Amino acid sequence: MRSFFTALDRFFMNRRNLYLLGFLLTFGLSFSEVMRGKQFNFMIFSDATLDFWRGIVPYGSDWAAAHHDYYLYGPLFNLLFTPFALLPAWLGPFVWNLFNYTLYFLAIFTLPERYTVRQKRNMYLYTMLILATTQLSFQYNVAVAYLFVFAFSLLERGRAGWAIALILISGFTKVYGVFQLGLLLCYPRFWRNMGYVLGIALLYFLLPMVKIPAESLLDYYRAWIDGLNVHYGTRVFETFFNIRVLFPTLPSYMHYVQGGILIVLAGLLGACRRRWSDPAFRAQALGILMGYVILFSNSVEKHTYVIALLGYLIWYGSRTPRFWDKWLYWANFVVLVWMPVDLLFPVRWMHFFFDTLDLNQWLFLVTWLRMVWITLGPRRIAWREG
């Protein structure tokens, strides 16, 4: 029996085996949905991109009524998605999912070397099921997750310009990633990096002018923002603001809470100035940020937690875990990764735990608060590098 587990461990330590396993899973899921005509999110992305080139604004409830759901991404997304939209309808969804899967895999295995190969392997296996569920829906969440991680790895290697370019791609397509710019405080040459931010942001802001007239550009961005504001009130999501005991309805002051928490985090980060040079601290700050953009978002679905969980694993792997850390590690796996999979957990029980008890939001809220306390609170335990 021991030899079997040794062989199994050796198999999963091989990166080629891991990649092929995920590749086949992604291909199979994509095939299943395309054959049933359920690649709805890909169709929304494709229709919105083609409408962009036709001069049609793809935002708001009228557009959503004609295209399955709301379109929530900035015009830069349309430019980047164009190659996928131009592929044959049967091929585009496969290329989209496999492209994102490959970059997600590479993002994990190109993390700084202080993360061991075994840690990276475990991050990948831990998130494999939630990665599969988000790719089953052809979502963009996978890309947001790997953009966070690639940018972090580039910053750690002193490639700030390229890192900022990726952060701003995320920010100009789905907003989430823009908050990572706050971590530039922890890296050398802050003012030079802010120059990169201004230059690259201006470039990305103006790029849609390849199609949109200059006099209509601001109106187009306003339509995007309005579309985001309309969307979050259309159904129940999985954020802090959807915990029913705390908020029976979406609070009118939601944006003030979001901004207030962000200000508190910024203040705590500034108070930890002496720790900025510690790579473990920077990794943990990234994990907290990736958790924040999901937990305190306007609208998040179950599979969107792939972003928060990958950040949590980066946080978890940067320090020696204590008892409660190990408990939360497995609790998050069971609740956020395993329970939402219909084949592994009864749907009626999942709805009870998630839709009645809000167990997923409560659990990750506790996890995130512990991350903040350990990283940005009093220095109670030693940091671990490597």
Protein backbone atom coordinates (compact mmCIF):
# COMPACT_ATOMS: atom_id res chain seq x y z
CA MET A 1 0.00 0.00 0.00
CA ARG A 2 2.84 2.38 0.82
CA SER A 3 4.41 1.77 -2.59
CA PHE A 4 1.07 2.63 -4.25
CA PHE A 5 0.87 5.99 -2.49
CA THR A 6 4.54 6.65 -3.26
CA ALA A 7 3.90 5.99 -6.95
CA LEU A 8 0.79 8.17 -6.85
CA ASP A 9 2.72 11.00 -5.22
CA ARG A 10 5.47 10.65 -7.83
CA PHE A 11 2.86 10.79 -10.61
CA PHE A 12 1.36 14.02 -9.26
CA MET A 13 4.77 15.60 -8.74
CA ASN A 14 5.34 15.43 -12.49
CA ARG A 15 4.28 18.74 -14.04
CA ARG A 16 3.55 17.19 -17.43
CA ASN A 17 1.18 14.69 -15.84
CA LEU A 18 -0.58 17.45 -13.91
CA TYR A 19 -0.92 19.65 -16.97
CA LEU A 20 -2.28 16.85 -19.15
CA LEU A 21 -4.75 15.81 -16.44
CA GLY A 22 -6.17 19.33 -16.26
CA PHE A 23 -6.02 19.76 -20.03
CA LEU A 24 -8.13 16.64 -20.59
CA LEU A 25 -10.59 17.71 -17.89
CA THR A 26 -10.93 21.18 -19.41
CA PHE A 27 -11.35 19.74 -22.89
CA GLY A 28 -13.98 17.25 -21.69
CA LEU A 29 -16.00 19.89 -19.86
CA SER A 30 -15.81 22.26 -22.82
CA PHE A 31 -16.92 19.50 -25.18
CA SER A 32 -19.86 18.63 -22.92
CA GLU A 33 -21.15 22.21 -22.82
CA VAL A 34 -20.56 23.01 -26.49
CA MET A 35 -22.38 19.86 -27.59
CA ARG A 36 -25.38 20.97 -25.50
CA GLY A 37 -25.16 24.55 -26.74
CA LYS A 38 -24.56 25.88 -23.22
CA GLN A 39 -21.43 27.93 -23.76
CA PHE A 40 -23.47 31.00 -22.81
CA ASN A 41 -20.72 33.14 -21.30
CA PHE A 42 -18.50 32.60 -24.31
CA MET A 43 -21.41 33.62 -26.54
CA ILE A 44 -21.93 36.77 -24.43
CA PHE A 45 -18.24 37.66 -24.73
CA SER A 46 -18.29 36.95 -28.46
CA ASP A 47 -21.51 38.86 -29.15
CA ALA A 48 -20.33 41.85 -27.11
CA THR A 49 -17.01 41.89 -28.95
CA LEU A 50 -18.63 41.73 -32.37
CA ASP A 51 -21.11 44.44 -31.30
CA PHE A 52 -18.17 46.58 -30.19
CA TRP A 53 -16.77 46.40 -33.72
CA ARG A 54 -20.24 47.15 -35.13
CA GLY A 55 -20.49 50.29 -33.01
CA ILE A 56 -23.15 48.86 -30.66
CA VAL A 57 -22.80 49.49 -26.90
CA PRO A 58 -23.19 46.05 -25.20
CA TYR A 59 -24.33 47.18 -21.75
CA GLY A 60 -27.57 47.45 -19.82
CA SER A 61 -30.75 45.46 -19.39
CA ASP A 62 -31.92 45.72 -23.00
CA TRP A 63 -28.71 44.19 -24.32
CA ALA A 64 -28.83 41.53 -21.56
CA ALA A 65 -32.38 40.54 -22.48
CA ALA A 66 -31.26 39.74 -26.02
CA HIS A 67 -28.00 37.96 -25.08
CA HIS A 68 -28.65 35.57 -22.14
CA ASP A 69 -27.15 37.86 -19.46
CA TYR A 70 -25.40 41.13 -18.68
CA TYR A 71 -22.05 41.99 -20.21
CA LEU A 72 -19.77 43.40 -17.49
CA TYR A 73 -16.38 44.03 -19.05
CA GLY A 74 -14.59 47.12 -20.26
CA PRO A 75 -13.91 47.87 -23.93
CA LEU A 76 -10.30 46.71 -23.57
CA PHE A 77 -11.72 43.22 -23.04
CA ASN A 78 -13.37 43.41 -26.47
CA LEU A 79 -10.03 44.21 -28.10
CA LEU A 80 -8.29 41.31 -26.35
CA PHE A 81 -11.15 38.88 -26.99
CA THR A 82 -11.35 39.64 -30.72
CA PRO A 83 -9.16 36.67 -31.82
CA PHE A 84 -11.45 34.27 -29.95
CA ALA A 85 -14.63 35.90 -31.29
CA LEU A 86 -13.39 35.53 -34.87
CA LEU A 87 -12.81 31.77 -34.54
CA PRO A 88 -15.50 29.37 -35.78
CA ALA A 89 -18.33 29.10 -33.24
CA TRP A 90 -17.53 25.45 -32.51
CA LEU A 91 -13.79 26.10 -31.99
CA GLY A 92 -13.70 29.38 -30.06
CA PRO A 93 -14.96 28.01 -26.71
CA PHE A 94 -12.31 25.25 -26.70
CA VAL A 95 -9.47 27.65 -27.48
CA TRP A 96 -10.72 30.12 -24.85
CA ASN A 97 -10.93 27.56 -22.05
CA LEU A 98 -7.68 25.77 -22.89
CA PHE A 99 -5.82 29.07 -23.28
CA ASN A 100 -6.96 30.24 -19.84
CA TYR A 101 -6.31 26.85 -18.26
CA THR A 102 -2.74 26.83 -19.60
CA LEU A 103 -1.96 30.31 -18.27
CA TYR A 104 -3.50 29.48 -14.89
CA PHE A 105 -1.26 26.40 -14.67
CA LEU A 106 1.82 28.41 -15.66
CA ALA A 107 0.98 31.18 -13.18
CA ILE A 108 1.08 28.73 -10.28
CA PHE A 109 4.27 27.00 -11.38
CA THR A 110 6.12 30.25 -12.06
CA LEU A 111 5.55 31.58 -8.54
CA PRO A 112 8.83 32.61 -6.85
CA GLU A 113 11.16 29.76 -5.95
CA ARG A 114 10.59 30.16 -2.22
CA TYR A 115 7.41 28.20 -2.90
CA THR A 116 8.47 24.59 -3.33
CA VAL A 117 7.33 22.45 -6.25
CA ARG A 118 5.23 20.44 -3.80
CA GLN A 119 3.50 23.60 -2.55
CA LYS A 120 2.74 24.65 -6.12
CA ARG A 121 1.47 21.17 -6.90
CA ASN A 122 -0.82 21.34 -3.89
CA MET A 123 -2.15 24.78 -4.90
CA TYR A 124 -3.02 23.41 -8.31
CA LEU A 125 -4.71 20.26 -7.03
CA TYR A 126 -6.57 22.18 -4.29
CA THR A 127 -8.15 24.53 -6.83
CA MET A 128 -8.62 22.02 -9.65
CA LEU A 129 -12.32 21.37 -8.97
CA ILE A 130 -13.29 25.03 -8.57
CA LEU A 131 -11.21 25.78 -11.66
CA ALA A 132 -13.25 23.14 -13.50
CA THR A 133 -16.56 24.66 -12.37
CA THR A 134 -15.61 28.15 -13.54
CA GLN A 135 -14.42 26.77 -16.87
CA LEU A 136 -17.63 24.80 -17.21
CA SER A 137 -19.22 28.25 -17.50
CA PHE A 138 -16.43 29.63 -19.76
CA GLN A 139 -15.82 32.39 -17.23
CA TYR A 140 -13.17 35.11 -17.18
CA ASN A 141 -12.44 34.49 -13.48
CA VAL A 142 -9.58 32.16 -14.38
CA ALA A 143 -7.85 34.98 -16.24
CA VAL A 144 -8.34 37.41 -13.35
CA ALA A 145 -6.73 34.88 -11.00
CA TYR A 146 -3.66 34.26 -13.14
CA LEU A 147 -3.21 37.97 -13.90
CA PHE A 148 -2.94 38.61 -10.14
CA VAL A 149 -0.36 35.84 -9.78
CA PHE A 150 1.72 36.63 -12.87
CA ALA A 151 1.88 40.29 -11.82
CA PHE A 152 3.01 39.31 -8.32
CA SER A 153 5.73 37.01 -9.67
CA LEU A 154 6.97 39.73 -12.02
CA LEU A 155 7.10 42.28 -9.18
CA GLU A 156 9.08 39.82 -7.07
CA ARG A 157 11.55 39.43 -9.94
CA GLY A 158 11.97 43.18 -10.42
CA ARG A 159 9.91 43.38 -13.64
CA ALA A 160 7.60 46.14 -12.45
CA GLY A 161 6.72 47.52 -15.89
CA TRP A 162 5.41 44.19 -17.16
CA ALA A 163 3.65 43.55 -13.85
CA ILE A 164 1.84 46.88 -14.03
CA ALA A 165 0.81 46.16 -17.62
CA LEU A 166 -0.90 42.94 -16.42
CA ILE A 167 -2.47 44.59 -13.37
CA LEU A 168 -4.01 47.26 -15.55
CA ILE A 169 -5.30 44.72 -18.08
CA SER A 170 -7.22 43.20 -15.19
CA GLY A 171 -8.35 46.63 -13.99
CA PHE A 172 -9.54 47.82 -17.40
CA THR A 173 -11.39 44.59 -18.12
CA LYS A 174 -12.98 43.57 -14.80
CA VAL A 175 -11.83 46.18 -12.24
CA TYR A 176 -10.70 43.58 -9.64
CA GLY A 177 -7.01 43.67 -10.47
CA VAL A 178 -6.58 47.43 -10.21
CA PHE A 179 -6.43 47.16 -6.40
CA GLN A 180 -3.14 45.27 -6.72
CA LEU A 181 -1.52 48.60 -7.54
CA GLY A 182 -1.61 49.34 -3.80
CA LEU A 183 1.08 46.71 -3.29
CA LEU A 184 3.53 48.82 -5.29
CA LEU A 185 4.23 50.55 -1.97
CA CYS A 186 6.11 47.43 -0.91
CA TYR A 187 8.53 47.49 -3.85
CA PRO A 188 11.51 49.71 -4.76
CA ARG A 189 11.26 52.73 -7.10
CA PHE A 190 7.70 53.58 -6.23
CA TRP A 191 7.55 56.86 -8.16
CA ARG A 192 9.05 55.30 -11.27
CA ASN A 193 6.43 52.59 -11.05
CA MET A 194 3.67 55.20 -10.68
CA GLY A 195 4.96 56.72 -13.92
CA TYR A 196 4.47 53.32 -15.54
CA VAL A 197 0.96 53.23 -14.11
CA LEU A 198 0.01 56.59 -15.60
CA GLY A 199 1.52 55.86 -19.01
CA ILE A 200 0.09 52.36 -19.39
CA ALA A 201 -3.31 53.38 -17.99
CA LEU A 202 -3.53 56.20 -20.53
CA LEU A 203 -2.64 53.80 -23.33
CA TYR A 204 -5.29 51.26 -22.27
CA PHE A 205 -7.89 53.99 -21.78
CA LEU A 206 -7.37 55.31 -25.30
CA LEU A 207 -6.95 51.96 -27.11
CA PRO A 208 -10.70 51.52 -27.74
CA MET A 209 -10.46 54.58 -29.99
CA VAL A 210 -9.42 52.18 -32.75
CA LYS A 211 -13.20 51.84 -33.11
CA ILE A 212 -14.93 54.28 -30.75
CA PRO A 213 -14.87 57.97 -31.81
CA ALA A 214 -12.97 60.20 -29.39
CA GLU A 215 -16.08 62.22 -28.57
CA SER A 216 -17.96 59.02 -27.56
CA LEU A 217 -15.23 57.38 -25.48
CA LEU A 218 -16.25 58.80 -22.09
CA ASP A 219 -19.89 57.92 -22.73
CA TYR A 220 -18.83 54.35 -23.50
CA TYR A 221 -16.98 54.06 -20.19
CA ARG A 222 -19.98 55.55 -18.37
CA ALA A 223 -22.20 52.91 -19.97
CA TRP A 224 -19.83 50.24 -18.63
CA ILE A 225 -19.98 51.65 -15.08
CA ASP A 226 -23.76 51.99 -15.25
CA GLY A 227 -24.00 48.39 -16.44
CA LEU A 228 -22.03 47.22 -13.41
CA ASN A 229 -24.27 49.16 -11.05
CA VAL A 230 -27.46 47.76 -12.60
CA HIS A 231 -26.19 44.17 -12.55
CA TYR A 232 -25.44 43.72 -8.86
CA GLY A 233 -29.07 44.21 -7.90
CA THR A 234 -30.49 41.65 -10.33
CA ARG A 235 -30.06 38.49 -8.22
CA VAL A 236 -28.51 37.07 -5.05
CA PHE A 237 -24.74 36.63 -5.09
CA GLU A 238 -22.15 35.16 -2.70
CA THR A 239 -20.50 38.17 -1.07
CA PHE A 240 -20.31 39.64 2.42
CA PHE A 241 -23.28 41.85 1.52
CA ASN A 242 -25.39 38.78 0.73
CA ILE A 243 -25.13 37.26 4.22
CA ARG A 244 -28.81 37.28 5.06
CA VAL A 245 -28.47 37.59 8.84
CA LEU A 246 -26.45 40.78 8.42
CA PHE A 247 -28.14 42.18 5.31
CA PRO A 248 -31.72 41.01 4.57
CA THR A 249 -31.50 43.23 1.47
CA LEU A 250 -28.55 44.83 -0.31
CA PRO A 251 -27.54 47.84 1.81
CA SER A 252 -27.66 51.27 0.19
CA TYR A 253 -24.35 52.06 1.92
CA MET A 254 -22.53 49.07 0.37
CA HIS A 255 -20.01 51.19 -1.53
CA TYR A 256 -19.13 53.09 1.65
CA VAL A 257 -18.34 49.79 3.40
CA GLN A 258 -16.20 48.66 0.48
CA GLY A 259 -14.28 51.93 0.47
CA GLY A 260 -13.98 52.03 4.25
CA ILE A 261 -12.50 48.53 4.46
CA LEU A 262 -10.07 49.39 1.68
CA ILE A 263 -8.96 52.52 3.57
CA VAL A 264 -8.43 50.45 6.73
CA LEU A 265 -6.36 47.92 4.80
CA ALA A 266 -4.28 50.71 3.28
CA GLY A 267 -3.69 52.18 6.75
CA LEU A 268 -2.64 48.81 8.16
CA LEU A 269 -0.32 48.24 5.19
CA GLY A 270 1.29 51.62 5.82
CA ALA A 271 1.68 50.82 9.52
CA CYS A 272 3.61 47.67 8.55
CA ARG A 273 6.24 49.63 6.61
CA ARG A 274 9.11 47.79 8.30
CA ARG A 275 7.82 44.49 6.93
CA TRP A 276 7.57 45.59 3.29
CA SER A 277 10.99 44.12 2.51
CA ASP A 278 9.87 40.67 3.72
CA PRO A 279 8.79 38.58 0.69
CA ALA A 280 6.50 36.48 2.88
CA PHE A 281 4.69 39.63 4.01
CA ARG A 282 4.22 40.75 0.40
CA ALA A 283 2.80 37.33 -0.53
CA GLN A 284 0.40 37.48 2.40
CA ALA A 285 -0.68 41.02 1.50
CA LEU A 286 -1.47 39.73 -2.01
CA GLY A 287 -3.59 36.93 -0.55
CA ILE A 288 -5.55 39.40 1.58
CA LEU A 289 -6.16 41.60 -1.45
CA MET A 290 -7.35 38.70 -3.63
CA GLY A 291 -9.73 37.74 -0.85
CA TYR A 292 -10.99 41.31 -0.46
CA VAL A 293 -11.95 41.77 -4.12
CA ILE A 294 -14.18 38.69 -3.93
CA LEU A 295 -15.59 38.81 -0.41
CA PHE A 296 -16.51 42.50 -0.64
CA SER A 297 -17.42 42.57 -4.31
CA ASN A 298 -20.72 43.74 -5.80
CA SER A 299 -21.54 40.42 -7.44
CA VAL A 300 -19.78 37.09 -7.01
CA GLU A 301 -20.87 33.55 -7.84
CA LYS A 302 -19.62 30.33 -6.25
CA HIS A 303 -16.97 29.63 -8.87
CA THR A 304 -15.62 33.21 -8.65
CA TYR A 305 -13.97 32.11 -5.39
CA VAL A 306 -11.21 30.55 -7.50
CA ILE A 307 -9.59 34.01 -7.28
CA ALA A 308 -9.91 34.29 -3.50
CA LEU A 309 -8.82 30.70 -2.87
CA LEU A 310 -5.70 30.99 -5.00
CA GLY A 311 -4.79 34.12 -3.04
CA TYR A 312 -5.50 32.28 0.21
CA LEU A 313 -3.19 29.44 -0.82
CA ILE A 314 -0.41 31.91 -1.62
CA TRP A 315 -0.93 33.35 1.86
CA TYR A 316 -1.08 29.90 3.47
CA GLY A 317 2.11 28.68 1.78
CA SER A 318 4.16 31.68 2.90
CA ARG A 319 4.14 30.81 6.61
CA THR A 320 4.19 27.88 8.99
CA PRO A 321 0.53 27.04 9.65
CA ARG A 322 -0.88 26.63 13.14
CA PHE A 323 -3.75 24.37 14.20
CA TRP A 324 -6.53 26.80 13.20
CA ASP A 325 -4.83 27.47 9.88
CA LYS A 326 -4.87 23.77 9.03
CA TRP A 327 -8.50 23.48 10.11
CA LEU A 328 -9.54 26.44 7.95
CA TYR A 329 -7.48 25.09 5.03
CA TRP A 330 -9.51 21.88 4.87
CA ALA A 331 -12.80 23.54 5.81
CA ASN A 332 -12.46 25.91 2.84
CA PHE A 333 -11.67 22.98 0.57
CA VAL A 334 -14.76 21.05 1.67
CA VAL A 335 -17.16 24.00 1.59
CA LEU A 336 -15.91 26.16 -1.29
CA VAL A 337 -14.39 23.52 -3.58
CA TRP A 338 -16.11 20.19 -2.93
CA MET A 339 -19.70 21.08 -1.93
CA PRO A 340 -20.60 23.09 -5.07
CA VAL A 341 -19.87 20.08 -7.33
CA ASP A 342 -23.18 18.32 -7.97
CA LEU A 343 -21.54 14.95 -8.62
CA LEU A 344 -19.80 15.00 -5.23
CA PHE A 345 -22.36 16.54 -2.90
CA PRO A 346 -26.20 16.43 -2.84
CA VAL A 347 -27.63 19.56 -4.42
CA ARG A 348 -30.39 19.99 -1.81
CA TRP A 349 -27.84 20.00 1.00
CA MET A 350 -25.60 22.40 -0.86
CA HIS A 351 -28.53 24.81 -1.23
CA PHE A 352 -29.29 24.48 2.48
CA PHE A 353 -25.71 25.20 3.56
CA PHE A 354 -25.18 27.95 0.99
CA ASP A 355 -28.57 29.56 0.40
CA THR A 356 -30.03 29.21 3.89
CA LEU A 357 -27.04 29.27 6.24
CA ASP A 358 -24.63 31.24 3.99
CA LEU A 359 -21.93 28.88 5.23
CA ASN A 360 -19.56 29.67 2.37
CA GLN A 361 -19.60 33.42 3.03
CA TRP A 362 -19.27 33.01 6.80
CA LEU A 363 -16.39 30.58 6.46
CA PHE A 364 -14.39 32.69 4.07
CA LEU A 365 -15.12 35.82 6.11
CA VAL A 366 -13.59 34.14 9.18
CA THR A 367 -10.67 32.92 7.06
CA TRP A 368 -10.05 36.36 5.60
CA LEU A 369 -10.22 38.10 8.98
CA ARG A 370 -7.64 35.64 10.32
CA MET A 371 -5.41 36.41 7.33
CA VAL A 372 -5.68 40.13 8.08
CA TRP A 373 -5.04 39.66 11.82
CA ILE A 374 -1.96 37.50 11.31
CA THR A 375 -0.43 39.58 8.51
CA LEU A 376 -1.38 43.16 9.34
CA GLY A 377 -2.05 42.86 13.06
CA PRO A 378 0.43 42.55 15.97
CA ARG A 379 3.46 40.50 15.03
CA ARG A 380 2.74 37.35 17.02
CA ILE A 381 4.49 34.69 14.94
CA ALA A 382 7.65 34.55 12.90
CA TRP A 383 7.50 34.95 9.15
CA ARG A 384 8.75 32.09 7.09
CA GLU A 385 10.67 32.58 3.85
CA GLY A 386 10.71 29.50 1.67
